[in-house]
Each structure stands twice: as C-alpha cells, then as structure tokens.
Protein backbone atom coordinates (compact mmCIF):
# COMPACT_ATOMS: atom_id res chain seq x y z
CA MET A 1 0.00 0.00 0.00
CA ASN A 2 1.46 3.36 -0.93
CA GLU A 3 1.42 6.50 1.26
CA ASP A 4 -1.31 8.26 -0.76
CA SER A 5 -3.75 5.43 -0.13
CA VAL A 6 -2.88 5.34 3.55
CA GLU A 7 -3.36 9.11 3.88
CA ARG A 8 -6.70 8.86 2.06
CA LEU A 9 -7.75 6.06 4.40
CA PHE A 10 -6.83 8.12 7.48
CA ALA A 11 -8.68 11.17 6.09
CA THR A 12 -11.79 9.11 5.49
CA ALA A 13 -11.58 7.75 9.02
CA ARG A 14 -11.28 11.29 10.45
CA ARG A 15 -14.30 12.49 8.48
CA ALA A 16 -16.40 9.53 9.60
CA GLY A 17 -16.15 10.60 13.24
CA ALA A 18 -17.49 8.84 16.27
CA GLU A 19 -21.17 9.46 15.55
CA GLN A 20 -21.41 6.46 13.25
CA THR A 21 -20.52 3.72 15.69
CA PRO A 22 -21.92 0.42 14.46
CA ALA A 23 -24.27 -1.36 16.81
CA ILE A 24 -23.19 -4.81 17.89
CA PRO A 25 -26.04 -7.32 18.01
CA GLN A 26 -27.07 -8.47 21.43
CA GLY A 27 -25.32 -11.70 22.45
CA PHE A 28 -22.56 -11.29 19.88
CA ALA A 29 -19.75 -11.29 22.45
CA GLU A 30 -21.16 -14.35 24.18
CA GLY A 31 -21.39 -16.16 20.84
CA VAL A 32 -17.77 -15.35 20.00
CA LEU A 33 -16.65 -16.50 23.45
CA GLN A 34 -18.65 -19.72 23.12
CA GLN A 35 -17.07 -20.42 19.70
CA HIS A 36 -13.64 -19.79 21.17
CA ARG A 37 -14.24 -22.18 24.06
CA HIS A 38 -15.61 -24.81 21.67
CA ARG A 39 -12.51 -24.50 19.47
CA ILE A 40 -10.24 -24.88 22.53
CA GLN A 41 -12.11 -28.04 23.58
CA GLU A 42 -11.73 -29.46 20.06
CA GLU A 43 -8.00 -28.74 20.11
CA ARG A 44 -7.63 -30.40 23.52
CA GLY A 45 -9.54 -33.43 22.28
CA PHE A 46 -7.34 -33.63 19.21
CA PHE A 47 -4.22 -33.36 21.36
CA ARG A 48 -5.40 -36.12 23.69
CA ALA A 49 -6.30 -38.39 20.78
CA SER A 50 -2.92 -37.74 19.20
CA MET A 51 -1.07 -38.55 22.41
CA LEU A 52 -3.14 -41.71 22.88
CA SER A 53 -2.44 -42.90 19.34
CA ILE A 54 1.30 -42.17 19.71
CA ALA A 55 1.42 -44.06 23.02
CA THR A 56 -0.43 -47.00 21.47
CA ALA A 57 1.95 -47.05 18.50
CA LEU A 58 4.97 -47.02 20.82
CA ILE A 59 3.55 -49.88 22.89
CA ILE A 60 2.89 -51.94 19.76
CA LEU A 61 6.37 -51.17 18.41
CA GLY A 62 8.00 -52.04 21.73
CA THR A 63 6.08 -55.29 21.93
CA ALA A 64 6.98 -56.24 18.38
CA LEU A 65 10.63 -55.43 18.93
CA GLY A 66 10.65 -57.30 22.23
CA ILE A 67 9.14 -60.39 20.65
CA ASN A 68 11.58 -60.19 17.74
CA LEU A 69 14.56 -59.77 20.05
CA GLU A 70 13.43 -62.66 22.19
CA THR A 71 12.93 -65.00 19.24
CA THR A 72 16.15 -63.82 17.61
CA GLY A 73 18.07 -64.38 20.83
CA LEU A 74 16.67 -67.87 21.25
CA ALA A 75 17.12 -68.80 17.61
CA GLY A 76 20.62 -67.37 17.65
CA SER A 77 21.75 -69.64 20.49
CA ASP A 78 20.12 -72.66 18.83
CA ASP A 79 21.78 -71.79 15.55
CA GLN A 80 25.15 -71.51 17.25
CA GLU A 81 24.76 -74.88 18.96
CA SER A 82 23.67 -76.61 15.78
CA THR A 83 26.58 -75.01 13.89
CA VAL A 84 29.03 -76.27 16.52
CA GLU A 85 27.48 -79.75 16.40
CA MET A 86 27.71 -79.74 12.60
CA ALA A 87 31.36 -78.70 12.74
CA TYR A 88 32.15 -81.55 15.18
CA ALA A 89 30.25 -83.99 12.98
CA LEU A 90 32.23 -82.94 9.93
CA TRP A 91 35.55 -82.84 11.79
CA ASP A 92 35.32 -86.24 13.54
CA PRO A 93 34.86 -88.43 10.45
CA ALA A 94 37.99 -86.92 8.98
CA GLY A 95 39.93 -88.61 11.74
CA ASN A 96 40.91 -85.51 13.72
C-alpha cells in the first residue's frame, strides 16, 4: 500500500467521526466467546487423541521389537549350537 492510499484512508476515518458507531447485536460477544471455548475443547480433544495414538503405537512397536529380540536371541543360540554340532560332525569323520 502506498502512502497516498494510507493518507486517504486516514482522512476518510477522520471524516467519519465517532457518531457512526456500528451497533453490535445483542449476544454477539457471548457467541464469539462460546465459539472460542468450543474450538479450545476441540484442540484439547485432538491433542489427547494424538497422544493416545502415539502411546499405542509405541507400545505396539516395543512389543513387536521385544518379541523379535526374544525370538532372535533364542534362535541365535540354537543356531550356534547346531553349527558347533555340525562342525564336530564334519571334523570327527575326517579322523581328527
């Protein structure tokens, strides 16, 4: 916005004066406040739902990782034992 338009806007505002104050409908402020409170409640609900879904996802992820680590740990020790047994089986027939 250039300075001429701003000056024209200020001049129009000065000429308008205080005698033309617009009337606010009755209950307007209460309606705005009620909308604001409703929006805050929606945001809180969204935040709670988001936190709940994140916590659920972390629990599921932790459980899945825990199960995988447990099965990997058990299978790893079994695999090591069977590998050792296989090595002994291959080594003994060779006469060593």
